[in-house]
Amino acid sequence: MPLLFESRRMSTMPKIIDPELKARAVRLVTEHQSEYPSLTAAAAAVAKQLGLGKETVRRWVVQAQVDTGEREGTTTEELAEVKRLKAENRRLREDVAILRAATTFFAGELDPRNR
């Protein structure tokens, strides 16, 4: 039976982009944005020149604008802090689950009815 819809989502790891290439792309879009009717058009032109995805470059530029205060949003530092706190929260929840299981086990061992 043929599939009507195939998932385009890949389960591969994202590509690691050289930070210098990312900075160069952002700089080029910023420098040449006035030559294009929109940020998206400038990002598409630079992305094509550098062999990158146009939406990827556009998101980098928007995030750079947020980081410099030119645009409202969550900064890269704040995003990193949220990620760190979520990981810490996950570890602490796992610790609590282990301690609860251990407490239940030892409480059962101390109960005289279980002897």
PDB file of N, CA and C in Angstrom:
ATOM      1  N   MET A   1       0.846  -1.175   0.000  1.00  0.00           N
ATOM      2  CA  MET A   1       0.000   0.000   0.000  1.00  0.00           C
ATOM      3  C   MET A   1       0.895   1.243   0.000  1.00  0.00           C
ATOM      4  N   PRO A   2       0.752   2.109  -0.973  1.00  0.00           N
ATOM      5  CA  PRO A   2       1.611   3.297  -1.033  1.00  0.00           C
ATOM      6  C   PRO A   2       1.226   4.317   0.030  1.00  0.00           C
ATOM      7  N   LEU A   3       2.219   4.999   0.504  1.00  0.00           N
ATOM      8  CA  LEU A   3       1.988   6.053   1.487  1.00  0.00           C
ATOM      9  C   LEU A   3       1.566   7.329   0.775  1.00  0.00           C
ATOM     10  N   LEU A   4       0.507   7.933   1.270  1.00  0.00           N
ATOM     11  CA  LEU A   4       0.060   9.188   0.685  1.00  0.00           C
ATOM     12  C   LEU A   4       0.885  10.358   1.186  1.00  0.00           C
ATOM     13  N   PHE A   5       1.257  10.278   2.451  1.00  0.00           N
ATOM     14  CA  PHE A   5       2.026  11.356   3.055  1.00  0.00           C
ATOM     15  C   PHE A   5       3.253  10.759   3.711  1.00  0.00           C
ATOM     16  N   GLU A   6       4.387  11.289   3.388  1.00  0.00           N
ATOM     17  CA  GLU A   6       5.619  10.849   4.024  1.00  0.00           C
ATOM     18  C   GLU A   6       6.130  11.959   4.912  1.00  0.00           C
ATOM     19  N   SER A   7       6.652  11.567   6.029  1.00  0.00           N
ATOM     20  CA  SER A   7       7.223  12.553   6.934  1.00  0.00           C
ATOM     21  C   SER A   7       8.556  13.026   6.378  1.00  0.00           C
ATOM     22  N   ARG A   8       8.742  14.307   6.328  1.00  0.00           N
ATOM     23  CA  ARG A   8       9.995  14.885   5.850  1.00  0.00           C
ATOM     24  C   ARG A   8      10.970  15.103   6.994  1.00  0.00           C
ATOM     25  N   ARG A   9      10.509  14.889   8.198  1.00  0.00           N
ATOM     26  CA  ARG A   9      11.332  15.148   9.373  1.00  0.00           C
ATOM     27  C   ARG A   9      12.395  14.058   9.502  1.00  0.00           C
ATOM     28  N   MET A  10      13.622  14.470   9.624  1.00  0.00           N
ATOM     29  CA  MET A  10      14.725  13.531   9.765  1.00  0.00           C
ATOM     30  C   MET A  10      15.094  13.414  11.241  1.00  0.00           C
ATOM     31  N   SER A  11      15.546  12.253  11.617  1.00  0.00           N
ATOM     32  CA  SER A  11      15.943  12.069  13.008  1.00  0.00           C
ATOM     33  C   SER A  11      17.461  12.133  13.150  1.00  0.00           C
ATOM     34  N   THR A  12      18.097  12.890  12.294  1.00  0.00           N
ATOM     35  CA  THR A  12      19.545  13.026  12.362  1.00  0.00           C
ATOM     36  C   THR A  12      19.910  14.231  13.215  1.00  0.00           C
ATOM     37  N   MET A  13      21.135  14.238  13.636  1.00  0.00           N
ATOM     38  CA  MET A  13      21.631  15.356  14.428  1.00  0.00           C
ATOM     39  C   MET A  13      21.749  16.590  13.528  1.00  0.00           C
ATOM     40  N   PRO A  14      21.473  17.763  14.079  1.00  0.00           N
ATOM     41  CA  PRO A  14      21.619  18.975  13.266  1.00  0.00           C
ATOM     42  C   PRO A  14      23.085  19.218  12.918  1.00  0.00           C
ATOM     43  N   LYS A  15      23.283  19.871  11.774  1.00  0.00           N
ATOM     44  CA  LYS A  15      24.644  20.198  11.367  1.00  0.00           C
ATOM     45  C   LYS A  15      25.239  21.212  12.332  1.00  0.00           C
ATOM     46  N   ILE A  16      26.510  21.059  12.594  1.00  0.00           N
ATOM     47  CA  ILE A  16      27.210  22.039  13.421  1.00  0.00           C
ATOM     48  C   ILE A  16      27.824  23.060  12.472  1.00  0.00           C
ATOM     49  N   ILE A  17      27.393  24.294  12.630  1.00  0.00           N
ATOM     50  CA  ILE A  17      27.842  25.375  11.755  1.00  0.00           C
ATOM     51  C   ILE A  17      29.000  26.115  12.425  1.00  0.00           C
ATOM     52  N   ASP A  18      30.007  26.401  11.639  1.00  0.00           N
ATOM     53  CA  ASP A  18      31.152  27.163  12.125  1.00  0.00           C
ATOM     54  C   ASP A  18      30.670  28.543  12.591  1.00  0.00           C
ATOM     55  N   PRO A  19      30.974  28.931  13.833  1.00  0.00           N
ATOM     56  CA  PRO A  19      30.534  30.237  14.336  1.00  0.00           C
ATOM     57  C   PRO A  19      31.006  31.407  13.470  1.00  0.00           C
ATOM     58  N   GLU A  20      32.170  31.265  12.844  1.00  0.00           N
ATOM     59  CA  GLU A  20      32.671  32.329  11.971  1.00  0.00           C
ATOM     60  C   GLU A  20      31.791  32.481  10.732  1.00  0.00           C
ATOM     61  N   LEU A  21      31.321  31.354  10.188  1.00  0.00           N
ATOM     62  CA  LEU A  21      30.430  31.396   9.028  1.00  0.00           C
ATOM     63  C   LEU A  21      29.103  32.037   9.413  1.00  0.00           C
ATOM     64  N   LYS A  22      28.612  31.686  10.578  1.00  0.00           N
ATOM     65  CA  LYS A  22      27.358  32.261  11.070  1.00  0.00           C
ATOM     66  C   LYS A  22      27.501  33.776  11.236  1.00  0.00           C
ATOM     67  N   ALA A  23      28.588  34.202  11.871  1.00  0.00           N
ATOM     68  CA  ALA A  23      28.829  35.636  12.078  1.00  0.00           C
ATOM     69  C   ALA A  23      28.981  36.361  10.740  1.00  0.00           C
ATOM     70  N   ARG A  24      29.650  35.714   9.790  1.00  0.00           N
ATOM     71  CA  ARG A  24      29.828  36.317   8.464  1.00  0.00           C
ATOM     72  C   ARG A  24      28.482  36.490   7.768  1.00  0.00           C
ATOM     73  N   ALA A  25      27.634  35.468   7.852  1.00  0.00           N
ATOM     74  CA  ALA A  25      26.314  35.543   7.221  1.00  0.00           C
ATOM     75  C   ALA A  25      25.494  36.677   7.825  1.00  0.00           C
ATOM     76  N   VAL A  26      25.510  36.775   9.147  1.00  0.00           N
ATOM     77  CA  VAL A  26      24.761  37.838   9.828  1.00  0.00           C
ATOM     78  C   VAL A  26      25.306  39.204   9.424  1.00  0.00           C
ATOM     79  N   ARG A  27      26.618  39.331   9.383  1.00  0.00           N
ATOM     80  CA  ARG A  27      27.243  40.605   9.008  1.00  0.00           C
ATOM     81  C   ARG A  27      26.881  40.995   7.580  1.00  0.00           C
ATOM     82  N   LEU A  28      26.935  40.023   6.657  1.00  0.00           N
ATOM     83  CA  LEU A  28      26.611  40.318   5.257  1.00  0.00           C
ATOM     84  C   LEU A  28      25.157  40.753   5.090  1.00  0.00           C
ATOM     85  N   VAL A  29      24.245  40.070   5.767  1.00  0.00           N
ATOM     86  CA  VAL A  29      22.832  40.457   5.676  1.00  0.00           C
ATOM     87  C   VAL A  29      22.647  41.854   6.241  1.00  0.00           C
ATOM     88  N   THR A  30      23.262  42.125   7.380  1.00  0.00           N
ATOM     89  CA  THR A  30      23.133  43.435   8.022  1.00  0.00           C
ATOM     90  C   THR A  30      23.691  44.544   7.129  1.00  0.00           C
ATOM     91  N   GLU A  31      24.846  44.292   6.525  1.00  0.00           N
ATOM     92  CA  GLU A  31      25.479  45.297   5.670  1.00  0.00           C
ATOM     93  C   GLU A  31      24.694  45.566   4.387  1.00  0.00           C
ATOM     94  N   HIS A  32      24.060  44.539   3.835  1.00  0.00           N
ATOM     95  CA  HIS A  32      23.408  44.673   2.526  1.00  0.00           C
ATOM     96  C   HIS A  32      21.885  44.688   2.600  1.00  0.00           C
ATOM     97  N   GLN A  33      21.337  44.757   3.796  1.00  0.00           N
ATOM     98  CA  GLN A  33      19.885  44.710   3.947  1.00  0.00           C
ATOM     99  C   GLN A  33      19.195  45.881   3.246  1.00  0.00           C
ATOM    100  N   SER A  34      19.836  47.028   3.220  1.00  0.00           N
ATOM    101  CA  SER A  34      19.222  48.209   2.590  1.00  0.00           C
ATOM    102  C   SER A  34      19.074  48.048   1.075  1.00  0.00           C
ATOM    103  N   GLU A  35      19.807  47.111   0.487  1.00  0.00           N
ATOM    104  CA  GLU A  35      19.738  46.878  -0.954  1.00  0.00           C
ATOM    105  C   GLU A  35      18.561  45.985  -1.349  1.00  0.00           C
ATOM    106  N   TYR A  36      17.863  45.439  -0.368  1.00  0.00           N
ATOM    107  CA  TYR A  36      16.772  44.496  -0.621  1.00  0.00           C
ATOM    108  C   TYR A  36      15.479  45.017  -0.002  1.00  0.00           C
ATOM    109  N   PRO A  37      14.340  44.568  -0.529  1.00  0.00           N
ATOM    110  CA  PRO A  37      13.060  45.063  -0.014  1.00  0.00           C
ATOM    111  C   PRO A  37      12.714  44.554   1.383  1.00  0.00           C
ATOM    112  N   SER A  38      13.332  43.454   1.797  1.00  0.00           N
ATOM    113  CA  SER A  38      13.008  42.902   3.117  1.00  0.00           C
ATOM    114  C   SER A  38      14.196  42.137   3.684  1.00  0.00           C
ATOM    115  N   LEU A  39      14.112  41.853   4.965  1.00  0.00           N
ATOM    116  CA  LEU A  39      15.135  41.040   5.631  1.00  0.00           C
ATOM    117  C   LEU A  39      15.185  39.654   5.005  1.00  0.00           C
ATOM    118  N   THR A  40      14.023  39.110   4.693  1.00  0.00           N
ATOM    119  CA  THR A  40      13.952  37.773   4.105  1.00  0.00           C
ATOM    120  C   THR A  40      14.667  37.728   2.757  1.00  0.00           C
ATOM    121  N   ALA A  41      14.486  38.750   1.940  1.00  0.00           N
ATOM    122  CA  ALA A  41      15.146  38.798   0.631  1.00  0.00           C
ATOM    123  C   ALA A  41      16.662  38.906   0.789  1.00  0.00           C
ATOM    124  N   ALA A  42      17.110  39.724   1.717  1.00  0.00           N
ATOM    125  CA  ALA A  42      18.551  39.865   1.963  1.00  0.00           C
ATOM    126  C   ALA A  42      19.130  38.554   2.482  1.00  0.00           C
ATOM    127  N   ALA A  43      18.416  37.914   3.397  1.00  0.00           N
ATOM    128  CA  ALA A  43      18.876  36.634   3.948  1.00  0.00           C
ATOM    129  C   ALA A  43      18.930  35.570   2.860  1.00  0.00           C
ATOM    130  N   ALA A  44      17.946  35.557   1.969  1.00  0.00           N
ATOM    131  CA  ALA A  44      17.926  34.577   0.879  1.00  0.00           C
ATOM    132  C   ALA A  44      19.123  34.767  -0.049  1.00  0.00           C
ATOM    133  N   ALA A  45      19.458  36.014  -0.360  1.00  0.00           N
ATOM    134  CA  ALA A  45      20.595  36.291  -1.245  1.00  0.00           C
ATOM    135  C   ALA A  45      21.911  35.851  -0.607  1.00  0.00           C
ATOM    136  N   VAL A  46      22.096  36.182   0.655  1.00  0.00           N
ATOM    137  CA  VAL A  46      23.330  35.802   1.358  1.00  0.00           C
ATOM    138  C   VAL A  46      23.388  34.288   1.533  1.00  0.00           C
ATOM    139  N   ALA A  47      22.258  33.676   1.853  1.00  0.00           N
ATOM    140  CA  ALA A  47      22.214  32.224   2.038  1.00  0.00           C
ATOM    141  C   ALA A  47      22.615  31.508   0.754  1.00  0.00           C
ATOM    142  N   LYS A  48      22.116  31.982  -0.362  1.00  0.00           N
ATOM    143  CA  LYS A  48      22.458  31.378  -1.656  1.00  0.00           C
ATOM    144  C   LYS A  48      23.953  31.516  -1.925  1.00  0.00           C
ATOM    145  N   GLN A  49      24.499  32.678  -1.624  1.00  0.00           N
ATOM    146  CA  GLN A  49      25.921  32.950  -1.842  1.00  0.00           C
ATOM    147  C   GLN A  49      26.797  32.027  -0.983  1.00  0.00           C
ATOM    148  N   LEU A  50      26.362  31.747   0.245  1.00  0.00           N
ATOM    149  CA  LEU A  50      27.166  30.951   1.176  1.00  0.00           C
ATOM    150  C   LEU A  50      26.786  29.471   1.193  1.00  0.00           C
ATOM    151  N   GLY A  51      25.749  29.104   0.447  1.00  0.00           N
ATOM    152  CA  GLY A  51      25.329  27.703   0.410  1.00  0.00           C
ATOM    153  C   GLY A  51      24.598  27.269   1.670  1.00  0.00           C
ATOM    154  N   LEU A  52      23.824  28.173   2.239  1.00  0.00           N
ATOM    155  CA  LEU A  52      23.075  27.892   3.464  1.00  0.00           C
ATOM    156  C   LEU A  52      21.582  28.022   3.189  1.00  0.00           C
ATOM    157  N   GLY A  53      20.776  27.566   4.131  1.00  0.00           N
ATOM    158  CA  GLY A  53      19.336  27.714   4.011  1.00  0.00           C
ATOM    159  C   GLY A  53      18.917  29.145   4.298  1.00  0.00           C
ATOM    160  N   LYS A  54      17.987  29.670   3.491  1.00  0.00           N
ATOM    161  CA  LYS A  54      17.596  31.074   3.658  1.00  0.00           C
ATOM    162  C   LYS A  54      16.901  31.315   4.995  1.00  0.00           C
ATOM    163  N   GLU A  55      16.087  30.365   5.445  1.00  0.00           N
ATOM    164  CA  GLU A  55      15.398  30.541   6.728  1.00  0.00           C
ATOM    165  C   GLU A  55      16.386  30.454   7.888  1.00  0.00           C
ATOM    166  N   THR A  56      17.391  29.620   7.749  1.00  0.00           N
ATOM    167  CA  THR A  56      18.428  29.516   8.780  1.00  0.00           C
ATOM    168  C   THR A  56      19.141  30.853   8.946  1.00  0.00           C
ATOM    169  N   VAL A  57      19.542  31.442   7.844  1.00  0.00           N
ATOM    170  CA  VAL A  57      20.246  32.732   7.891  1.00  0.00           C
ATOM    171  C   VAL A  57      19.330  33.810   8.456  1.00  0.00           C
ATOM    172  N   ARG A  58      18.063  33.811   8.034  1.00  0.00           N
ATOM    173  CA  ARG A  58      17.124  34.819   8.533  1.00  0.00           C
ATOM    174  C   ARG A  58      16.966  34.699  10.048  1.00  0.00           C
ATOM    175  N   ARG A  59      16.852  33.459  10.557  1.00  0.00           N
ATOM    176  CA  ARG A  59      16.726  33.267  12.007  1.00  0.00           C
ATOM    177  C   ARG A  59      17.983  33.716  12.746  1.00  0.00           C
ATOM    178  N   TRP A  60      19.161  33.483  12.163  1.00  0.00           N
ATOM    179  CA  TRP A  60      20.404  33.949  12.781  1.00  0.00           C
ATOM    180  C   TRP A  60      20.405  35.464  12.900  1.00  0.00           C
ATOM    181  N   VAL A  61      19.964  36.138  11.852  1.00  0.00           N
ATOM    182  CA  VAL A  61      19.949  37.606  11.858  1.00  0.00           C
ATOM    183  C   VAL A  61      18.964  38.117  12.904  1.00  0.00           C
ATOM    184  N   VAL A  62      17.777  37.525  12.943  1.00  0.00           N
ATOM    185  CA  VAL A  62      16.770  37.945  13.932  1.00  0.00           C
ATOM    186  C   VAL A  62      17.310  37.735  15.342  1.00  0.00           C
ATOM    187  N   GLN A  63      17.957  36.590  15.602  1.00  0.00           N
ATOM    188  CA  GLN A  63      18.502  36.331  16.933  1.00  0.00           C
ATOM    189  C   GLN A  63      19.616  37.315  17.258  1.00  0.00           C
ATOM    190  N   ALA A  64      20.434  37.658  16.281  1.00  0.00           N
ATOM    191  CA  ALA A  64      21.492  38.655  16.501  1.00  0.00           C
ATOM    192  C   ALA A  64      20.881  40.007  16.841  1.00  0.00           C
ATOM    193  N   GLN A  65      19.779  40.356  16.190  1.00  0.00           N
ATOM    194  CA  GLN A  65      19.098  41.615  16.490  1.00  0.00           C
ATOM    195  C   GLN A  65      18.516  41.597  17.904  1.00  0.00           C
ATOM    196  N   VAL A  66      18.003  40.460  18.327  1.00  0.00           N
ATOM    197  CA  VAL A  66      17.487  40.332  19.701  1.00  0.00           C
ATOM    198  C   VAL A  66      18.637  40.490  20.690  1.00  0.00           C
ATOM    199  N   ASP A  67      19.760  39.834  20.399  1.00  0.00           N
ATOM    200  CA  ASP A  67      20.913  39.876  21.302  1.00  0.00           C
ATOM    201  C   ASP A  67      21.491  41.284  21.452  1.00  0.00           C
ATOM    202  N   THR A  68      21.398  42.096  20.394  1.00  0.00           N
ATOM    203  CA  THR A  68      21.931  43.461  20.465  1.00  0.00           C
ATOM    204  C   THR A  68      20.896  44.471  20.937  1.00  0.00           C
ATOM    205  N   GLY A  69      19.672  44.026  21.155  1.00  0.00           N
ATOM    206  CA  GLY A  69      18.628  44.915  21.647  1.00  0.00           C
ATOM    207  C   GLY A  69      17.866  45.655  20.560  1.00  0.00           C
ATOM    208  N   GLU A  70      18.138  45.347  19.304  1.00  0.00           N
ATOM    209  CA  GLU A  70      17.434  46.001  18.198  1.00  0.00           C
ATOM    210  C   GLU A  70      16.009  45.480  18.042  1.00  0.00           C
ATOM    211  N   ARG A  71      15.760  44.299  18.572  1.00  0.00           N
ATOM    212  CA  ARG A  71      14.466  43.641  18.420  1.00  0.00           C
ATOM    213  C   ARG A  71      14.110  42.992  19.755  1.00  0.00           C
ATOM    214  N   GLU A  72      12.822  42.935  20.053  1.00  0.00           N
ATOM    215  CA  GLU A  72      12.383  42.293  21.293  1.00  0.00           C
ATOM    216  C   GLU A  72      12.431  40.780  21.137  1.00  0.00           C
ATOM    217  N   GLY A  73      12.661  40.103  22.250  1.00  0.00           N
ATOM    218  CA  GLY A  73      12.684  38.649  22.234  1.00  0.00           C
ATOM    219  C   GLY A  73      13.601  38.112  23.313  1.00  0.00           C
ATOM    220  N   THR A  74      13.741  36.812  23.319  1.00  0.00           N
ATOM    221  CA  THR A  74      14.581  36.130  24.296  1.00  0.00           C
ATOM    222  C   THR A  74      16.003  36.043  23.758  1.00  0.00           C
ATOM    223  N   THR A  75      16.952  36.557  24.521  1.00  0.00           N
ATOM    224  CA  THR A  75      18.346  36.569  24.070  1.00  0.00           C
ATOM    225  C   THR A  75      18.944  35.170  24.116  1.00  0.00           C
ATOM    226  N   THR A  76      20.062  35.015  23.440  1.00  0.00           N
ATOM    227  CA  THR A  76      20.771  33.738  23.414  1.00  0.00           C
ATOM    228  C   THR A  76      21.178  33.325  24.822  1.00  0.00           C
ATOM    229  N   GLU A  77      21.627  34.286  25.627  1.00  0.00           N
ATOM    230  CA  GLU A  77      22.014  33.982  27.011  1.00  0.00           C
ATOM    231  C   GLU A  77      20.821  33.479  27.809  1.00  0.00           C
ATOM    232  N   GLU A  78      19.671  34.122  27.629  1.00  0.00           N
ATOM    233  CA  GLU A  78      18.466  33.694  28.345  1.00  0.00           C
ATOM    234  C   GLU A  78      18.027  32.302  27.890  1.00  0.00           C
ATOM    235  N   LEU A  79      18.129  32.021  26.595  1.00  0.00           N
ATOM    236  CA  LEU A  79      17.777  30.698  26.085  1.00  0.00           C
ATOM    237  C   LEU A  79      18.697  29.627  26.668  1.00  0.00           C
ATOM    238  N   ALA A  80      19.987  29.939  26.773  1.00  0.00           N
ATOM    239  CA  ALA A  80      20.941  28.993  27.353  1.00  0.00           C
ATOM    240  C   ALA A  80      20.629  28.747  28.824  1.00  0.00           C
ATOM    241  N   GLU A  81      20.251  29.802  29.544  1.00  0.00           N
ATOM    242  CA  GLU A  81      19.900  29.665  30.958  1.00  0.00           C
ATOM    243  C   GLU A  81      18.647  28.812  31.128  1.00  0.00           C
ATOM    244  N   VAL A  82      17.653  29.014  30.284  1.00  0.00           N
ATOM    245  CA  VAL A  82      16.430  28.202  30.344  1.00  0.00           C
ATOM    246  C   VAL A  82      16.765  26.736  30.073  1.00  0.00           C
ATOM    247  N   LYS A  83      17.607  26.491  29.082  1.00  0.00           N
ATOM    248  CA  LYS A  83      18.008  25.119  28.760  1.00  0.00           C
ATOM    249  C   LYS A  83      18.724  24.472  29.947  1.00  0.00           C
ATOM    250  N   ARG A  84      19.629  25.225  30.574  1.00  0.00           N
ATOM    251  CA  ARG A  84      20.364  24.709  31.731  1.00  0.00           C
ATOM    252  C   ARG A  84      19.416  24.403  32.885  1.00  0.00           C
ATOM    253  N   LEU A  85      18.475  25.310  33.137  1.00  0.00           N
ATOM    254  CA  LEU A  85      17.528  25.116  34.237  1.00  0.00           C
ATOM    255  C   LEU A  85      16.600  23.933  33.983  1.00  0.00           C
ATOM    256  N   LYS A  86      16.198  23.734  32.733  1.00  0.00           N
ATOM    257  CA  LYS A  86      15.350  22.577  32.408  1.00  0.00           C
ATOM    258  C   LYS A  86      16.104  21.271  32.641  1.00  0.00           C
ATOM    259  N   ALA A  87      17.375  21.244  32.258  1.00  0.00           N
ATOM    260  CA  ALA A  87      18.188  20.045  32.479  1.00  0.00           C
ATOM    261  C   ALA A  87      18.362  19.788  33.973  1.00  0.00           C
ATOM    262  N   GLU A  88      18.615  20.842  34.735  1.00  0.00           N
ATOM    263  CA  GLU A  88      18.754  20.704  36.187  1.00  0.00           C
ATOM    264  C   GLU A  88      17.447  20.221  36.805  1.00  0.00           C
ATOM    265  N   ASN A  89      16.333  20.775  36.358  1.00  0.00           N
ATOM    266  CA  ASN A  89      15.023  20.372  36.855  1.00  0.00           C
ATOM    267  C   ASN A  89      14.777  18.888  36.572  1.00  0.00           C
ATOM    268  N   ARG A  90      15.123  18.433  35.368  1.00  0.00           N
ATOM    269  CA  ARG A  90      14.956  17.025  35.001  1.00  0.00           C
ATOM    270  C   ARG A  90      15.795  16.125  35.914  1.00  0.00           C
ATOM    271  N   ARG A  91      17.053  16.514  36.157  1.00  0.00           N
ATOM    272  CA  ARG A  91      17.919  15.718  37.042  1.00  0.00           C
ATOM    273  C   ARG A  91      17.358  15.671  38.456  1.00  0.00           C
ATOM    274  N   LEU A  92      16.878  16.803  38.959  1.00  0.00           N
ATOM    275  CA  LEU A  92      16.329  16.840  40.315  1.00  0.00           C
ATOM    276  C   LEU A  92      15.071  15.988  40.426  1.00  0.00           C
ATOM    277  N   ARG A  93      14.227  15.997  39.393  1.00  0.00           N
ATOM    278  CA  ARG A  93      13.029  15.146  39.407  1.00  0.00           C
ATOM    279  C   ARG A  93      13.415  13.671  39.441  1.00  0.00           C
ATOM    280  N   GLU A  94      14.457  13.306  38.688  1.00  0.00           N
ATOM    281  CA  GLU A  94      14.945  11.929  38.711  1.00  0.00           C
ATOM    282  C   GLU A  94      15.472  11.577  40.097  1.00  0.00           C
ATOM    283  N   ASP A  95      16.205  12.488  40.727  1.00  0.00           N
ATOM    284  CA  ASP A  95      16.718  12.256  42.079  1.00  0.00           C
ATOM    285  C   ASP A  95      15.578  12.044  43.067  1.00  0.00           C
ATOM    286  N   VAL A  96      14.540  12.865  42.962  1.00  0.00           N
ATOM    287  CA  VAL A  96      13.388  12.740  43.857  1.00  0.00           C
ATOM    288  C   VAL A  96      12.714  11.391  43.656  1.00  0.00           C
ATOM    289  N   ALA A  97      12.568  10.954  42.408  1.00  0.00           N
ATOM    290  CA  ALA A  97      11.936   9.660  42.137  1.00  0.00           C
ATOM    291  C   ALA A  97      12.747   8.519  42.745  1.00  0.00           C
ATOM    292  N   ILE A  98      14.067   8.604  42.641  1.00  0.00           N
ATOM    293  CA  ILE A  98      14.932   7.571  43.227  1.00  0.00           C
ATOM    294  C   ILE A  98      14.806   7.577  44.745  1.00  0.00           C
ATOM    295  N   LEU A  99      14.819   8.761  45.347  1.00  0.00           N
ATOM    296  CA  LEU A  99      14.699   8.855  46.805  1.00  0.00           C
ATOM    297  C   LEU A  99      13.342   8.348  47.287  1.00  0.00           C
ATOM    298  N   ARG A 100      12.277   8.627  46.538  1.00  0.00           N
ATOM    299  CA  ARG A 100      10.956   8.105  46.915  1.00  0.00           C
ATOM    300  C   ARG A 100      10.943   6.584  46.874  1.00  0.00           C
ATOM    301  N   ALA A 101      11.524   6.014  45.829  1.00  0.00           N
ATOM    302  CA  ALA A 101      11.575   4.557  45.715  1.00  0.00           C
ATOM    303  C   ALA A 101      12.392   3.960  46.855  1.00  0.00           C
ATOM    304  N   ALA A 102      13.508   4.586  47.188  1.00  0.00           N
ATOM    305  CA  ALA A 102      14.342   4.091  48.286  1.00  0.00           C
ATOM    306  C   ALA A 102      13.612   4.205  49.613  1.00  0.00           C
ATOM    307  N   THR A 103      12.898   5.308  49.817  1.00  0.00           N
ATOM    308  CA  THR A 103      12.136   5.496  51.055  1.00  0.00           C
ATOM    309  C   THR A 103      11.076   4.419  51.192  1.00  0.00           C
ATOM    310  N   THR A 104      10.374   4.141  50.112  1.00  0.00           N
ATOM    311  CA  THR A 104       9.347   3.090  50.136  1.00  0.00           C
ATOM    312  C   THR A 104       9.972   1.741  50.452  1.00  0.00           C
ATOM    313  N   PHE A 105      11.107   1.446  49.836  1.00  0.00           N
ATOM    314  CA  PHE A 105      11.779   0.174  50.069  1.00  0.00           C
ATOM    315  C   PHE A 105      12.202   0.034  51.527  1.00  0.00           C
ATOM    316  N   PHE A 106      12.869   1.059  52.060  1.00  0.00           N
ATOM    317  CA  PHE A 106      13.360   0.972  53.431  1.00  0.00           C
ATOM    318  C   PHE A 106      12.231   1.026  54.447  1.00  0.00           C
ATOM    319  N   ALA A 107      11.164   1.726  54.149  1.00  0.00           N
ATOM    320  CA  ALA A 107      10.013   1.746  55.052  1.00  0.00           C
ATOM    321  C   ALA A 107       9.404   0.353  55.130  1.00  0.00           C
ATOM    322  N   GLY A 108       9.382  -0.356  54.028  1.00  0.00           N
ATOM    323  CA  GLY A 108       8.874  -1.730  54.022  1.00  0.00           C
ATOM    324  C   GLY A 108       9.779  -2.662  54.801  1.00  0.00           C
ATOM    325  N   GLU A 109      11.072  -2.439  54.743  1.00  0.00           N
ATOM    326  CA  GLU A 109      12.031  -3.264  55.486  1.00  0.00           C
ATOM    327  C   GLU A 109      11.883  -3.062  56.991  1.00  0.00           C
ATOM    328  N   LEU A 110      11.529  -1.870  57.421  1.00  0.00           N
ATOM    329  CA  LEU A 110      11.411  -1.563  58.845  1.00  0.00           C
ATOM    330  C   LEU A 110      10.062  -1.970  59.420  1.00  0.00           C
ATOM    331  N   ASP A 111       9.087  -2.226  58.569  1.00  0.00           N
ATOM    332  CA  ASP A 111       7.747  -2.581  59.031  1.00  0.00           C
ATOM    333  C   ASP A 111       7.779  -3.983  59.642  1.00  0.00           C
ATOM    334  N   PRO A 112       7.419  -4.114  60.937  1.00  0.00           N
ATOM    335  CA  PRO A 112       7.480  -5.425  61.596  1.00  0.00           C
ATOM    336  C   PRO A 112       6.494  -6.427  60.992  1.00  0.00           C
ATOM    337  N   ARG A 113       5.478  -5.988  60.318  1.00  0.00           N
ATOM    338  CA  ARG A 113       4.513  -6.917  59.717  1.00  0.00           C
ATOM    339  C   ARG A 113       5.126  -7.673  58.542  1.00  0.00           C
ATOM    340  N   ASN A 114       6.221  -7.176  57.996  1.00  0.00           N
ATOM    341  CA  ASN A 114       6.862  -7.821  56.850  1.00  0.00           C
ATOM    342  C   ASN A 114       7.903  -8.853  57.267  1.00  0.00           C
ATOM    343  N   ARG A 115       8.001  -9.140  58.561  1.00  0.00           N
ATOM    344  CA  ARG A 115       9.022 -10.095  59.025  1.00  0.00           C
ATOM    345  C   ARG A 115       8.450 -11.452  59.244  1.00  0.00           C
TER     346      ARG A 115
END
